[in-house]
């Protein structure tokens, strides 16, 4: 049998080093799936329950493996379903290639069933490169360019394959005018700024007496260099959410997360510093950075378009985080460890005590902070942690202590609900021997994550290490938005939009052959984690948590306090719960007369 276009696609992806493809089949892409079937396992196909989840898996696979993530779907709705997950990859700068089917070439333009203008549809999310094949000889350079551009620019690309083309015999492009003869392979270059720019940056950093650092996902793999520079400058170091795994939290000058989900030490670090060094971060909230004019700034980023858009930097350095910090270090003068650094470390020590106290405060029935606080010391070596968006991300950001060798991520720039479980599945294909834990709110579980537990049930026996846990915070509330309504908008909880059904996620796990654990008492939390981490099959740990423990920012403004007062005055349906327990502990300074 002669090689088809579909066969060539699979072989070429294999030549590019692709080992896994996440997706869902359909008649628009049958020719490629037939080739996958004939390829004798060269590339493993992982069948998601929904194409959006497959795209999230491809994005997470790229994050955790550092390799090209690939997802595949049929024409029409299959292709359109990918878009949300692809935007996750785009906004977090991950190399992902989407391969989608299309209707037969002779039918295009005739309003055929499932015929969408896919080039136009993908033009934004895959704007760096999206192309539709029209002949067999064209497919070679489409794959090569899509893979290389995705890797080089750390972005999303897309290839559209009409279904009739996929089963045609493959032909190499002829040696003739109007043809292209592409090849495979890409290695990222070593990118370092000019010496003069490094000298300028060092001048700024050496002049400062209170240096703060902010690190993001671009600093992953540069921990040694970040530590060396931080120690040379006697700086404190805050972490953007996507940079949570860069540094271990046991370092006494690491202040933790920053922003709405951040810590008080990180807030103080940024408001009290006189110099800011930002490394590999697209952290979006400028109000949590130093006030303009109060600090000088230096930024390192591999992407020049990200320089000086959050804070007006005096020096912008385009380069790899590790290489640039390594080149910068000899130019930096040693600052004394006392004073500024000592103050930072005292703030961090005090904050961890505050978090411990908050986590152990009574709630109805379980304090959600305690869930992650109890997990933290129990995390296995080389654990991978994923989090969904919502209030669970607050406890992930603040209460979970990272150690060296661990990995962690979530949907950062897009901040999409529903990413934690597909992220955790992809983590098992990037690192089959790592234990994986996903933290998920009940809203995200009901939206789309419950179905992906079926994917886990299908594949977990193939994993080298079966430790895979999803912890569901069941509070029957779309909790982050509820608190945003109260604090930002001054509105009471809107029951019609915020209340969600109570579902037994642990029993659903048992139903599909996984292991379900249910917790509704705080004293059960620690032992439940022990039980889950010792399990030989994947676990759904369902914890009945209190929705009235507030996921508030590290600093409450007068406007936020005013809005909260207004929300209560309007008659919040959960007013009694809002002002008790941990919520009272946090808010009594704002509303001292409220009992």
Protein backbone atom coordinates (compact mmCIF):
# COMPACT_ATOMS: atom_id res chain seq x y z
CA UNK A 1 0.00 0.00 0.00
CA UNK A 2 1.44 3.40 -0.97
CA UNK A 3 1.97 6.01 1.71
CA UNK A 4 -1.00 8.34 2.07
CA UNK A 5 -0.94 11.97 3.08
CA UNK A 6 -2.22 10.85 6.49
CA UNK A 7 0.68 8.41 6.81
CA UNK A 8 3.13 11.15 5.92
CA UNK A 9 1.62 13.50 8.51
CA UNK A 10 2.15 10.96 11.31
CA UNK A 11 5.67 10.06 10.18
CA UNK A 12 6.66 13.71 9.87
CA UNK A 13 5.34 14.51 13.35
CA UNK A 14 7.30 11.53 14.65
CA UNK A 15 10.41 12.89 12.93
CA UNK A 16 9.81 16.14 14.80
CA UNK A 17 9.92 14.19 18.08
CA UNK A 18 6.17 14.08 18.77
CA UNK A 19 5.26 11.14 21.01
CA UNK A 20 1.71 12.01 22.09
CA UNK A 21 -1.34 13.52 20.40
CA UNK A 22 -4.42 14.54 22.40
CA UNK A 23 -7.77 14.72 20.68
CA UNK A 24 -11.06 13.26 19.54
CA UNK A 25 -11.89 11.51 16.22
CA UNK A 26 -14.44 12.32 13.56
CA UNK A 27 -15.03 11.78 9.86
CA UNK A 28 -13.29 15.00 8.90
CA UNK A 29 -9.96 13.67 10.15
CA UNK A 30 -10.40 9.93 9.55
CA UNK A 31 -7.49 9.71 7.13
CA UNK A 32 -5.01 10.83 9.78
CA UNK A 33 -6.55 8.52 12.39
CA UNK A 34 -6.23 5.61 10.00
CA UNK A 35 -2.56 6.47 9.65
CA UNK A 36 -2.21 6.61 13.44
CA UNK A 37 -3.67 3.12 13.58
CA UNK A 38 -1.14 1.90 11.00
CA UNK A 39 1.84 3.57 12.68
CA UNK A 40 2.50 0.76 15.19
CA UNK A 41 2.59 3.05 18.22
CA UNK A 42 5.09 5.58 16.89
CA UNK A 43 2.82 8.22 18.38
CA UNK A 44 0.38 7.51 21.21
CA UNK A 45 -3.09 8.95 20.80
CA UNK A 46 -4.87 10.00 24.01
CA UNK A 47 -8.63 10.24 23.60
CA UNK A 48 -10.14 13.06 25.64
CA UNK A 49 -13.89 13.33 26.33
CA UNK A 50 -14.05 16.74 24.61
CA UNK A 51 -11.84 18.60 22.17
CA UNK A 52 -11.47 21.61 24.49
CA UNK A 53 -9.95 19.29 27.07
CA UNK A 54 -7.60 17.85 24.44
CA UNK A 55 -6.30 21.35 23.69
CA UNK A 56 -5.79 22.00 27.40
CA UNK A 57 -3.86 18.72 27.56
CA UNK A 58 -1.64 19.79 24.66
CA UNK A 59 -0.99 23.13 26.39
CA UNK A 60 -0.14 21.47 29.70
CA UNK A 61 2.00 18.82 28.00
CA UNK A 62 4.07 21.62 26.47
CA UNK A 63 4.36 23.30 29.89
CA UNK A 64 5.46 20.21 31.78
CA UNK A 65 7.62 18.58 29.10
CA UNK A 66 9.10 21.59 27.33
CA UNK A 67 8.22 19.94 24.03
CA UNK A 68 5.70 20.57 21.26
CA UNK A 69 2.13 19.84 22.34
CA UNK A 70 -0.16 18.47 19.63
CA UNK A 71 -3.94 18.20 19.55
CA UNK A 72 -6.22 16.88 16.82
CA UNK A 73 -9.90 17.20 15.98
CA UNK A 74 -12.37 16.75 13.18
CA UNK A 75 -13.90 19.49 11.05
CA UNK A 76 -16.66 21.89 12.11
CA UNK A 77 -17.52 21.62 15.81
CA UNK A 78 -14.50 19.45 16.55
CA UNK A 79 -12.21 22.22 15.36
CA UNK A 80 -14.17 25.00 17.05
CA UNK A 81 -14.17 23.13 20.37
CA UNK A 82 -10.36 23.32 20.46
CA UNK A 83 -10.26 27.09 20.56
CA UNK A 84 -10.47 27.73 24.32
CA UNK A 85 -7.63 25.35 25.13
CA UNK A 86 -5.57 26.81 22.31
CA UNK A 87 -6.04 30.29 23.74
CA UNK A 88 -4.69 28.95 27.02
CA UNK A 89 -1.50 27.92 25.21
CA UNK A 90 -1.31 31.21 23.31
CA UNK A 91 -1.64 33.39 26.38
CA UNK A 92 0.85 31.33 28.39
CA UNK A 93 3.35 31.24 25.48
CA UNK A 94 3.34 27.47 24.94
CA UNK A 95 4.26 25.70 21.67
CA UNK A 96 1.13 23.86 20.52
CA UNK A 97 0.16 22.56 17.07
CA UNK A 98 -3.50 21.93 16.24
CA UNK A 99 -4.32 19.55 13.38
CA UNK A 100 -7.93 19.66 12.20
CA UNK A 101 -9.99 18.18 9.41
CA UNK A 102 -12.05 20.00 6.82
CA UNK A 103 -14.69 19.05 4.29
CA UNK A 104 -13.66 17.77 0.85
CA UNK A 105 -12.02 20.34 -1.38
CA UNK A 106 -14.70 20.09 -4.09
CA UNK A 107 -17.40 20.94 -1.52
CA UNK A 108 -15.73 23.99 -0.03
CA UNK A 109 -17.62 27.20 -0.63
CA UNK A 110 -20.92 25.37 -0.98
CA UNK A 111 -22.21 25.73 2.61
CA UNK A 112 -21.61 22.04 3.11
CA UNK A 113 -22.37 20.31 6.40
CA UNK A 114 -19.74 21.16 9.05
CA UNK A 115 -18.00 23.51 6.64
CA UNK A 116 -16.56 26.40 8.63
CA UNK A 117 -14.03 28.96 7.46
CA UNK A 118 -11.37 27.43 9.66
CA UNK A 119 -8.51 29.60 8.45
CA UNK A 120 -10.44 32.68 9.53
CA UNK A 121 -11.58 31.04 12.76
CA UNK A 122 -8.02 30.15 13.81
CA UNK A 123 -6.51 33.42 12.54
CA UNK A 124 -6.35 35.01 15.99
CA UNK A 125 -5.44 32.07 18.21
CA UNK A 126 -2.98 30.64 15.66
CA UNK A 127 -2.08 33.90 13.98
CA UNK A 128 1.62 33.04 13.86
CA UNK A 129 0.85 30.27 11.35
CA UNK A 130 -2.39 28.75 10.11
CA UNK A 131 -2.68 27.13 6.67
CA UNK A 132 -5.03 24.83 4.81
CA UNK A 133 -3.56 22.16 2.57
CA UNK A 134 -4.69 21.90 -1.04
CA UNK A 135 -2.29 19.28 -2.48
CA UNK A 136 -0.22 16.35 -1.18
CA UNK A 137 3.11 17.99 -2.04
CA UNK A 138 2.20 21.00 0.10
CA UNK A 139 1.78 19.06 3.36
CA UNK A 140 5.49 18.62 4.02
CA UNK A 141 6.28 22.30 4.40
CA UNK A 142 3.01 22.96 6.26
CA UNK A 143 4.02 20.55 9.01
CA UNK A 144 7.62 21.71 9.10
CA UNK A 145 6.72 25.38 9.31
CA UNK A 146 3.93 24.85 11.84
CA UNK A 147 6.18 22.83 14.16
CA UNK A 148 9.17 25.15 13.85
CA UNK A 149 7.19 28.36 14.31
CA UNK A 150 5.34 26.96 17.33
CA UNK A 151 8.63 25.98 18.98
CA UNK A 152 10.61 29.07 18.01
CA UNK A 153 7.97 31.63 18.91
CA UNK A 154 6.44 29.60 21.76
CA UNK A 155 2.99 29.98 20.29
CA UNK A 156 0.04 28.18 18.68
CA UNK A 157 -0.04 27.06 15.05
CA UNK A 158 -2.70 25.18 13.07
CA UNK A 159 -2.88 22.96 9.99
CA UNK A 160 -6.17 22.26 8.22
CA UNK A 161 -6.46 19.07 6.16
CA UNK A 162 -9.47 18.50 3.83
CA UNK A 163 -10.74 14.97 4.36
CA UNK A 164 -10.34 13.84 0.75
CA UNK A 165 -6.71 14.96 0.71
CA UNK A 166 -5.78 12.79 3.71
CA UNK A 167 -6.27 9.50 1.81
CA UNK A 168 -4.51 10.53 -1.41
CA UNK A 169 -1.07 9.08 -2.15
CA UNK A 170 1.61 11.30 -0.69
CA UNK A 171 3.97 13.01 -3.15
CA UNK A 172 7.15 14.88 -2.38
CA UNK A 173 7.23 18.31 -3.97
CA UNK A 174 8.77 18.14 -7.46
CA UNK A 175 11.99 19.96 -8.25
CA UNK A 176 10.26 22.76 -10.10
CA UNK A 177 9.51 26.44 -9.91
CA UNK A 178 6.82 27.25 -7.33
CA UNK A 179 7.61 24.40 -4.94
CA UNK A 180 9.17 24.28 -1.48
CA UNK A 181 11.56 21.67 -0.04
CA UNK A 182 11.49 22.02 3.74
CA UNK A 183 13.33 20.13 6.46
CA UNK A 184 12.88 19.20 10.12
CA UNK A 185 14.63 20.33 13.27
CA UNK A 186 14.84 23.26 15.65
CA UNK A 187 17.04 24.15 18.60
CA UNK A 188 16.46 27.30 20.59
CA UNK A 189 19.32 29.78 20.26
CA UNK A 190 21.36 31.18 23.11
CA UNK A 191 20.03 34.71 23.56
CA UNK A 192 21.95 37.17 25.72
CA UNK A 193 21.75 40.98 25.79
CA UNK A 194 24.60 43.24 24.69
CA UNK A 195 27.32 43.95 27.25
CA UNK A 196 26.43 47.63 27.32
CA UNK A 197 22.83 46.80 28.26
CA UNK A 198 23.98 44.41 30.97
CA UNK A 199 26.22 47.16 32.33
CA UNK A 200 23.29 49.60 32.40
CA UNK A 201 21.11 47.04 34.21
CA UNK A 202 23.85 46.37 36.75
CA UNK A 203 24.21 50.09 37.39
CA UNK A 204 20.52 50.35 38.26
CA UNK A 205 20.54 47.26 40.47
CA UNK A 206 23.75 48.21 42.26
CA UNK A 207 22.37 51.64 43.08
CA UNK A 208 19.31 50.26 44.87
CA UNK A 209 19.24 49.53 48.60
CA UNK A 210 15.90 47.69 48.66
CA UNK A 211 15.75 45.35 45.66
CA UNK A 212 12.64 43.28 44.93
CA UNK A 213 12.51 40.49 42.37
CA UNK A 214 9.45 39.14 40.58
CA UNK A 215 9.85 35.86 38.71
CA UNK A 216 7.50 34.10 36.34
CA UNK A 217 7.32 31.06 34.09
CA UNK A 218 10.19 32.41 31.99
CA UNK A 219 12.49 31.72 34.94
CA UNK A 220 11.62 28.01 35.11
CA UNK A 221 14.92 26.17 34.76
CA UNK A 222 16.86 29.19 36.03
CA UNK A 223 16.49 28.60 39.78
CA UNK A 224 20.23 28.51 40.49
CA UNK A 225 20.77 31.79 38.65
CA UNK A 226 17.77 33.46 40.33
CA UNK A 227 19.06 32.39 43.76
CA UNK A 228 22.58 33.62 43.03
CA UNK A 229 21.38 37.04 41.87
CA UNK A 230 18.90 37.37 44.75
CA UNK A 231 21.64 36.58 47.26
CA UNK A 232 24.08 39.01 45.61
CA UNK A 233 21.47 41.77 45.79
CA UNK A 234 20.08 40.65 49.19
CA UNK A 235 16.71 40.86 47.48
CA UNK A 236 13.34 39.41 48.31
CA UNK A 237 11.65 37.36 45.62
CA UNK A 238 7.93 37.21 44.82
CA UNK A 239 6.49 34.66 42.41
CA UNK A 240 3.85 35.13 39.74
CA UNK A 241 1.40 32.23 39.63
CA UNK A 242 3.04 30.60 36.61
CA UNK A 243 6.41 30.94 38.35
CA UNK A 244 5.31 29.19 41.55
CA UNK A 245 7.60 26.21 40.91
CA UNK A 246 10.72 28.27 40.11
CA UNK A 247 11.91 28.56 43.72
CA UNK A 248 11.28 26.41 46.78
CA UNK A 249 9.25 28.17 49.46
CA UNK A 250 11.65 26.99 52.15
CA UNK A 251 13.99 29.84 51.14
CA UNK A 252 13.36 32.47 53.86
CA UNK A 253 13.39 35.44 51.45
CA UNK A 254 10.83 33.98 49.02
CA UNK A 255 7.64 35.93 49.71
CA UNK A 256 5.30 33.68 47.71
CA UNK A 257 2.62 34.65 45.23
CA UNK A 258 1.78 38.18 44.19
CA UNK A 259 -1.43 39.92 43.21
CA UNK A 260 -5.06 39.19 43.99
CA UNK A 261 -4.09 35.67 45.07
CA UNK A 262 -0.88 36.83 46.65
CA UNK A 263 0.64 37.19 50.10
CA UNK A 264 1.12 40.10 52.44
CA UNK A 265 4.95 39.81 52.31
CA UNK A 266 4.83 40.07 48.51
CA UNK A 267 2.59 43.13 48.76
CA UNK A 268 4.97 44.78 51.22
CA UNK A 269 7.99 43.79 49.12
CA UNK A 270 6.59 45.65 46.13
CA UNK A 271 5.30 48.70 47.98
CA UNK A 272 8.50 49.24 50.01
CA UNK A 273 11.25 48.46 47.48
CA UNK A 274 13.29 51.08 45.61
CA UNK A 275 14.35 48.79 42.75
CA UNK A 276 12.47 46.07 40.84
CA UNK A 277 14.03 43.22 38.85
CA UNK A 278 11.38 41.30 36.88
CA UNK A 279 12.41 38.00 35.26
CA UNK A 280 10.29 36.09 32.75
CA UNK A 281 6.90 37.27 33.96
CA UNK A 282 3.79 38.65 32.27
CA UNK A 283 2.12 39.33 35.63
CA UNK A 284 -0.87 41.51 34.64
CA UNK A 285 -1.85 43.56 37.69
CA UNK A 286 0.18 46.77 37.79
CA UNK A 287 -1.48 47.91 41.01
CA UNK A 288 0.49 45.22 42.86
CA UNK A 289 3.82 46.44 41.49
CA UNK A 290 5.70 49.46 42.88
CA UNK A 291 4.03 52.81 42.36
CA UNK A 292 5.35 54.47 39.22
CA UNK A 293 8.19 56.79 40.16
CA UNK A 294 8.88 55.08 43.50
CA UNK A 295 11.29 52.49 42.14
CA UNK A 296 13.71 51.94 39.29
CA UNK A 297 13.17 48.89 37.13
CA UNK A 298 15.05 46.22 35.15
CA UNK A 299 13.25 43.49 33.23
CA UNK A 300 14.49 40.30 31.57
CA UNK A 301 12.30 38.56 29.00
CA UNK A 302 12.91 36.45 25.91
CA UNK A 303 10.05 38.29 24.18
CA UNK A 304 10.75 41.98 23.58
CA UNK A 305 7.02 42.69 23.22
CA UNK A 306 6.58 41.92 26.94
CA UNK A 307 9.13 44.50 28.10
CA UNK A 308 8.01 47.56 30.04
CA UNK A 309 4.26 47.04 29.62
CA UNK A 310 3.39 46.47 33.31
CA UNK A 311 5.89 48.90 34.82
CA UNK A 312 8.06 51.56 33.12
CA UNK A 313 11.42 49.80 33.14
CA UNK A 314 14.65 51.78 32.95
CA UNK A 315 16.46 48.85 31.31
CA UNK A 316 14.87 46.04 29.29
CA UNK A 317 17.01 42.98 28.58
CA UNK A 318 15.99 40.59 25.82
CA UNK A 319 17.40 37.17 26.61
CA UNK A 320 17.03 33.77 28.21
CA UNK A 321 16.51 34.07 31.95
CA UNK A 322 19.33 31.74 32.97
CA UNK A 323 21.87 33.01 30.44
CA UNK A 324 21.09 36.67 31.13
CA UNK A 325 21.22 36.32 34.91
CA UNK A 326 24.49 34.42 34.57
CA UNK A 327 25.95 37.24 32.50
CA UNK A 328 24.58 39.86 34.89
CA UNK A 329 25.86 38.29 38.12
CA UNK A 330 29.58 39.27 37.84
CA UNK A 331 28.52 42.87 37.33
CA UNK A 332 26.55 43.02 40.58
CA UNK A 333 28.03 44.16 43.89
CA UNK A 334 27.32 42.21 47.08
CA UNK A 335 24.77 44.00 49.25
CA UNK A 336 24.66 43.50 53.03
CA UNK A 337 22.37 40.70 54.18
CA UNK A 338 21.04 42.63 57.15
CA UNK A 339 18.47 45.42 56.99
CA UNK A 340 16.22 44.97 53.93
CA UNK A 341 16.74 41.22 53.62
CA UNK A 342 16.24 40.71 57.36
CA UNK A 343 12.98 42.65 57.23
CA UNK A 344 11.75 40.50 54.32
CA UNK A 345 12.58 37.29 56.14
CA UNK A 346 10.75 38.45 59.27
CA UNK A 347 7.69 39.29 57.15
CA UNK A 348 7.80 35.81 55.60
CA UNK A 349 8.13 34.05 58.97
CA UNK A 350 5.20 36.03 60.35
CA UNK A 351 3.10 35.30 57.26
CA UNK A 352 3.56 31.54 57.46
CA UNK A 353 2.40 31.69 61.10
CA UNK A 354 -0.62 33.71 60.00
CA UNK A 355 -1.48 31.14 57.33
CA UNK A 356 -1.13 28.29 59.81
CA UNK A 357 -3.50 30.06 62.17
CA UNK A 358 -6.02 30.78 59.41
CA UNK A 359 -5.89 27.20 58.12
CA UNK A 360 -6.75 25.80 61.55
CA UNK A 361 -9.61 28.18 62.24
CA UNK A 362 -13.02 26.49 62.54
CA UNK A 363 -15.36 26.60 59.55
CA UNK A 364 -18.60 25.01 58.42
CA UNK A 365 -17.78 22.22 57.92
CA UNK A 366 -14.15 22.34 56.60
CA UNK A 367 -11.90 25.35 56.15
CA UNK A 368 -10.66 25.22 52.52
CA UNK A 369 -7.31 26.68 53.56
CA UNK A 370 -6.73 23.62 55.72
CA UNK A 371 -7.07 21.33 52.71
CA UNK A 372 -3.94 22.69 51.02
CA UNK A 373 -2.17 23.42 54.31
CA UNK A 374 -2.45 19.74 55.31
CA UNK A 375 -1.33 18.64 51.84
CA UNK A 376 1.80 20.78 51.82
CA UNK A 377 4.01 18.75 54.21
CA UNK A 378 2.71 15.52 52.71
CA UNK A 379 3.60 16.31 49.09
CA UNK A 380 5.74 13.50 47.66
CA UNK A 381 9.09 14.27 46.06
CA UNK A 382 8.83 15.42 42.41
CA UNK A 383 5.09 16.02 42.76
CA UNK A 384 3.25 17.89 40.03
CA UNK A 385 0.40 20.10 41.21
CA UNK A 386 -2.25 21.66 38.99
CA UNK A 387 -4.96 24.08 40.02
CA UNK A 388 -8.18 25.26 38.49
CA UNK A 389 -9.32 28.87 38.40
CA UNK A 390 -11.59 30.05 41.19
CA UNK A 391 -11.22 30.24 44.94
CA UNK A 392 -9.18 27.01 45.04
CA UNK A 393 -6.44 28.91 43.19
CA UNK A 394 -6.12 31.20 46.24
CA UNK A 395 -5.27 28.30 48.52
CA UNK A 396 -2.98 26.81 45.87
CA UNK A 397 -1.18 30.14 45.54
CA UNK A 398 -0.85 30.94 49.24
CA UNK A 399 -0.88 27.78 51.35
CA UNK A 400 0.97 25.25 49.22
CA UNK A 401 4.73 25.17 49.80
CA UNK A 402 6.80 24.18 46.78
CA UNK A 403 9.98 22.18 47.21
CA UNK A 404 12.90 21.67 44.87
CA UNK A 405 12.11 19.27 42.02
CA UNK A 406 8.34 19.89 42.06
CA UNK A 407 6.35 21.26 39.15
CA UNK A 408 3.12 23.24 39.19
CA UNK A 409 0.92 25.13 36.79
CA UNK A 410 -2.56 26.35 35.94
CA UNK A 411 -4.31 28.36 33.25
CA UNK A 412 -2.50 31.64 33.76
CA UNK A 413 -3.14 34.32 31.16
CA UNK A 414 -6.53 32.94 30.18
CA UNK A 415 -7.46 31.92 33.75
CA UNK A 416 -9.99 29.47 32.36
CA UNK A 417 -12.15 27.23 34.48
CA UNK A 418 -11.91 23.55 33.71
CA UNK A 419 -8.17 23.22 33.08
CA UNK A 420 -6.91 21.42 36.21
CA UNK A 421 -7.96 17.86 35.38
CA UNK A 422 -6.79 17.89 31.72
CA UNK A 423 -3.58 19.53 32.95
CA UNK A 424 -3.13 16.71 35.46
CA UNK A 425 -3.77 14.07 32.79
CA UNK A 426 -1.21 15.65 30.47
CA UNK A 427 1.29 15.79 33.33
CA UNK A 428 1.18 11.98 33.47
CA UNK A 429 2.22 11.76 29.82
CA UNK A 430 4.96 14.33 30.24
CA UNK A 431 6.26 12.58 33.39
CA UNK A 432 4.65 9.14 33.87
CA UNK A 433 6.61 8.42 37.06
CA UNK A 434 5.67 11.65 38.89
CA UNK A 435 2.77 11.78 41.38
CA UNK A 436 0.14 14.30 40.25
CA UNK A 437 -2.39 16.26 42.32
CA UNK A 438 -5.11 18.51 40.90
CA UNK A 439 -6.98 21.08 43.00
CA UNK A 440 -10.43 21.80 41.56
CA UNK A 441 -13.54 23.71 42.59
CA UNK A 442 -16.94 22.06 42.25
CA UNK A 443 -17.94 24.58 39.57
CA UNK A 444 -15.11 23.48 37.29
CA UNK A 445 -15.83 19.83 38.05
CA UNK A 446 -19.42 20.24 36.90
CA UNK A 447 -18.45 22.35 33.90
CA UNK A 448 -16.22 19.76 32.20
CA UNK A 449 -13.76 18.06 34.56
CA UNK A 450 -16.01 15.21 35.72
CA UNK A 451 -16.09 13.79 32.22
CA UNK A 452 -12.29 13.74 32.06
CA UNK A 453 -12.27 11.44 35.09
CA UNK A 454 -13.49 8.87 32.58
CA UNK A 455 -10.32 9.54 30.60
CA UNK A 456 -8.32 8.79 33.74
CA UNK A 457 -10.29 5.57 34.26
CA UNK A 458 -9.46 4.55 30.68
CA UNK A 459 -5.70 5.15 30.79
CA UNK A 460 -4.37 5.07 34.36
CA UNK A 461 -3.19 1.45 34.21
CA UNK A 462 -0.64 2.52 31.58
CA UNK A 463 1.02 4.99 33.93
CA UNK A 464 4.31 4.03 35.55
CA UNK A 465 3.23 5.62 38.85
CA UNK A 466 -0.53 5.37 39.52
CA UNK A 467 -0.57 8.20 42.08
CA UNK A 468 -3.03 10.68 40.59
CA UNK A 469 -5.39 12.65 42.84
CA UNK A 470 -8.01 15.26 42.14
CA UNK A 471 -9.17 17.15 45.22
CA UNK A 472 -12.61 18.72 44.81
CA UNK A 473 -13.55 21.70 46.99
CA UNK A 474 -17.30 21.11 47.26
CA UNK A 475 -18.93 24.28 48.59
CA UNK A 476 -21.98 24.43 46.27
CA UNK A 477 -20.93 27.92 45.22
CA UNK A 478 -19.12 29.66 42.36
CA UNK A 479 -17.07 31.06 45.17
CA UNK A 480 -14.53 33.38 43.59
CA UNK A 481 -17.23 35.27 41.72
CA UNK A 482 -19.43 35.40 44.82
CA UNK A 483 -16.67 37.19 46.73
CA UNK A 484 -15.85 39.41 43.76
CA UNK A 485 -19.51 40.49 43.69
CA UNK A 486 -19.28 41.42 47.36
CA UNK A 487 -15.87 43.08 47.43
CA UNK A 488 -15.55 44.62 43.96
CA UNK A 489 -19.16 45.38 43.04
CA UNK A 490 -20.75 45.89 46.44
CA UNK A 491 -23.48 43.37 45.61
CA UNK A 492 -24.75 40.55 47.82
CA UNK A 493 -24.45 36.98 46.66
CA UNK A 494 -26.82 36.33 43.75
CA UNK A 495 -28.24 32.89 44.49
CA UNK A 496 -29.55 32.27 40.98
CA UNK A 497 -26.10 32.63 39.42
CA UNK A 498 -23.88 31.43 42.24
CA UNK A 499 -25.52 28.40 43.83
CA UNK A 500 -24.67 25.12 42.09
CA UNK A 501 -26.01 21.59 42.70
CA UNK A 502 -24.48 19.34 45.31
CA UNK A 503 -22.93 16.37 43.51
CA UNK A 504 -21.18 13.39 45.06
CA UNK A 505 -17.88 13.48 43.18
CA UNK A 506 -16.37 10.75 45.34
CA UNK A 507 -19.25 8.37 44.57
CA UNK A 508 -18.91 9.17 40.87
CA UNK A 509 -15.26 8.14 41.16
CA UNK A 510 -16.27 4.82 42.70
CA UNK A 511 -18.84 4.33 39.95
CA UNK A 512 -16.24 4.53 37.17
CA UNK A 513 -13.61 2.40 38.88
CA UNK A 514 -11.54 5.05 40.63
CA UNK A 515 -11.23 5.49 44.39
CA UNK A 516 -13.47 8.05 46.08
CA UNK A 517 -12.83 9.60 49.50
CA UNK A 518 -15.29 11.95 51.19
CA UNK A 519 -14.38 14.38 53.98
CA UNK A 520 -16.76 16.60 55.92
CA UNK A 521 -14.84 17.10 59.18
CA UNK A 522 -11.59 19.07 59.60
CA UNK A 523 -9.93 16.35 61.66
CA UNK A 524 -10.29 13.96 58.69
CA UNK A 525 -8.33 16.10 56.22
CA UNK A 526 -4.79 14.98 57.06
CA UNK A 527 -5.60 11.27 57.17
CA UNK A 528 -7.59 11.59 53.94
CA UNK A 529 -4.51 12.97 52.18
CA UNK A 530 -2.42 10.13 53.62
CA UNK A 531 -4.94 7.63 52.31
CA UNK A 532 -5.10 9.25 48.88
CA UNK A 533 -1.33 9.44 48.47
CA UNK A 534 -0.97 5.77 49.45
CA UNK A 535 -3.60 4.59 46.96
CA UNK A 536 -2.63 2.28 44.12
CA UNK A 537 -5.39 3.64 41.90
CA UNK A 538 -6.32 7.27 41.08
CA UNK A 539 -8.33 9.08 43.73
CA UNK A 540 -11.08 11.68 43.86
CA UNK A 541 -10.83 13.36 47.26
CA UNK A 542 -14.03 15.32 47.88
CA UNK A 543 -13.95 17.82 50.75
CA UNK A 544 -17.07 19.64 51.91
CA UNK A 545 -15.69 23.15 52.35
CA UNK A 546 -17.09 26.37 53.76
CA UNK A 547 -17.93 28.94 51.03
CA UNK A 548 -17.74 31.81 53.52
CA UNK A 549 -13.99 31.64 54.02
CA UNK A 550 -13.02 34.67 51.93
CA UNK A 551 -10.40 34.46 49.17
CA UNK A 552 -9.46 38.09 49.69
CA UNK A 553 -6.45 40.00 48.31
CA UNK A 554 -3.44 40.53 50.62
CA UNK A 555 -4.35 44.19 51.10
CA UNK A 556 -7.96 45.36 51.54
CA UNK A 557 -8.52 48.86 50.19
CA UNK A 558 -11.01 51.34 51.59
CA UNK A 559 -13.07 50.95 48.42
CA UNK A 560 -13.23 47.18 48.90
CA UNK A 561 -14.22 47.61 52.55
CA UNK A 562 -16.92 50.04 51.55
CA UNK A 563 -18.26 47.67 48.88
CA UNK A 564 -18.32 44.79 51.36
CA UNK A 565 -20.30 46.90 53.83
CA UNK A 566 -22.75 47.83 51.08
CA UNK A 567 -23.17 44.18 50.08
CA UNK A 568 -24.04 43.18 53.66
CA UNK A 569 -26.36 46.15 54.05
CA UNK A 570 -28.26 45.03 50.95
CA UNK A 571 -28.98 41.71 52.66
CA UNK A 572 -26.53 39.01 51.63
CA UNK A 573 -28.26 35.60 51.85
CA UNK A 574 -25.25 34.20 53.73
CA UNK A 575 -24.59 37.20 55.97
CA UNK A 576 -24.32 35.15 59.15
CA UNK A 577 -21.82 32.80 57.58
CA UNK A 578 -19.84 35.63 56.02
CA UNK A 579 -18.98 37.25 59.38
CA UNK A 580 -18.13 34.15 61.38
CA UNK A 581 -14.98 32.09 61.76
CA UNK A 582 -12.11 32.75 59.43
CA UNK A 583 -14.02 35.42 57.54
CA UNK A 584 -14.47 37.35 60.77
CA UNK A 585 -10.77 36.98 61.53
CA UNK A 586 -9.81 38.55 58.22
CA UNK A 587 -12.51 41.21 58.07
CA UNK A 588 -12.78 42.41 61.66
CA UNK A 589 -10.10 45.01 60.95
CA UNK A 590 -12.28 46.32 58.13
CA UNK A 591 -15.58 46.20 60.01
CA UNK A 592 -14.57 46.36 63.70
CA UNK A 593 -18.15 46.86 64.84
CA UNK A 594 -19.46 43.71 63.14
CA UNK A 595 -19.96 40.73 65.49
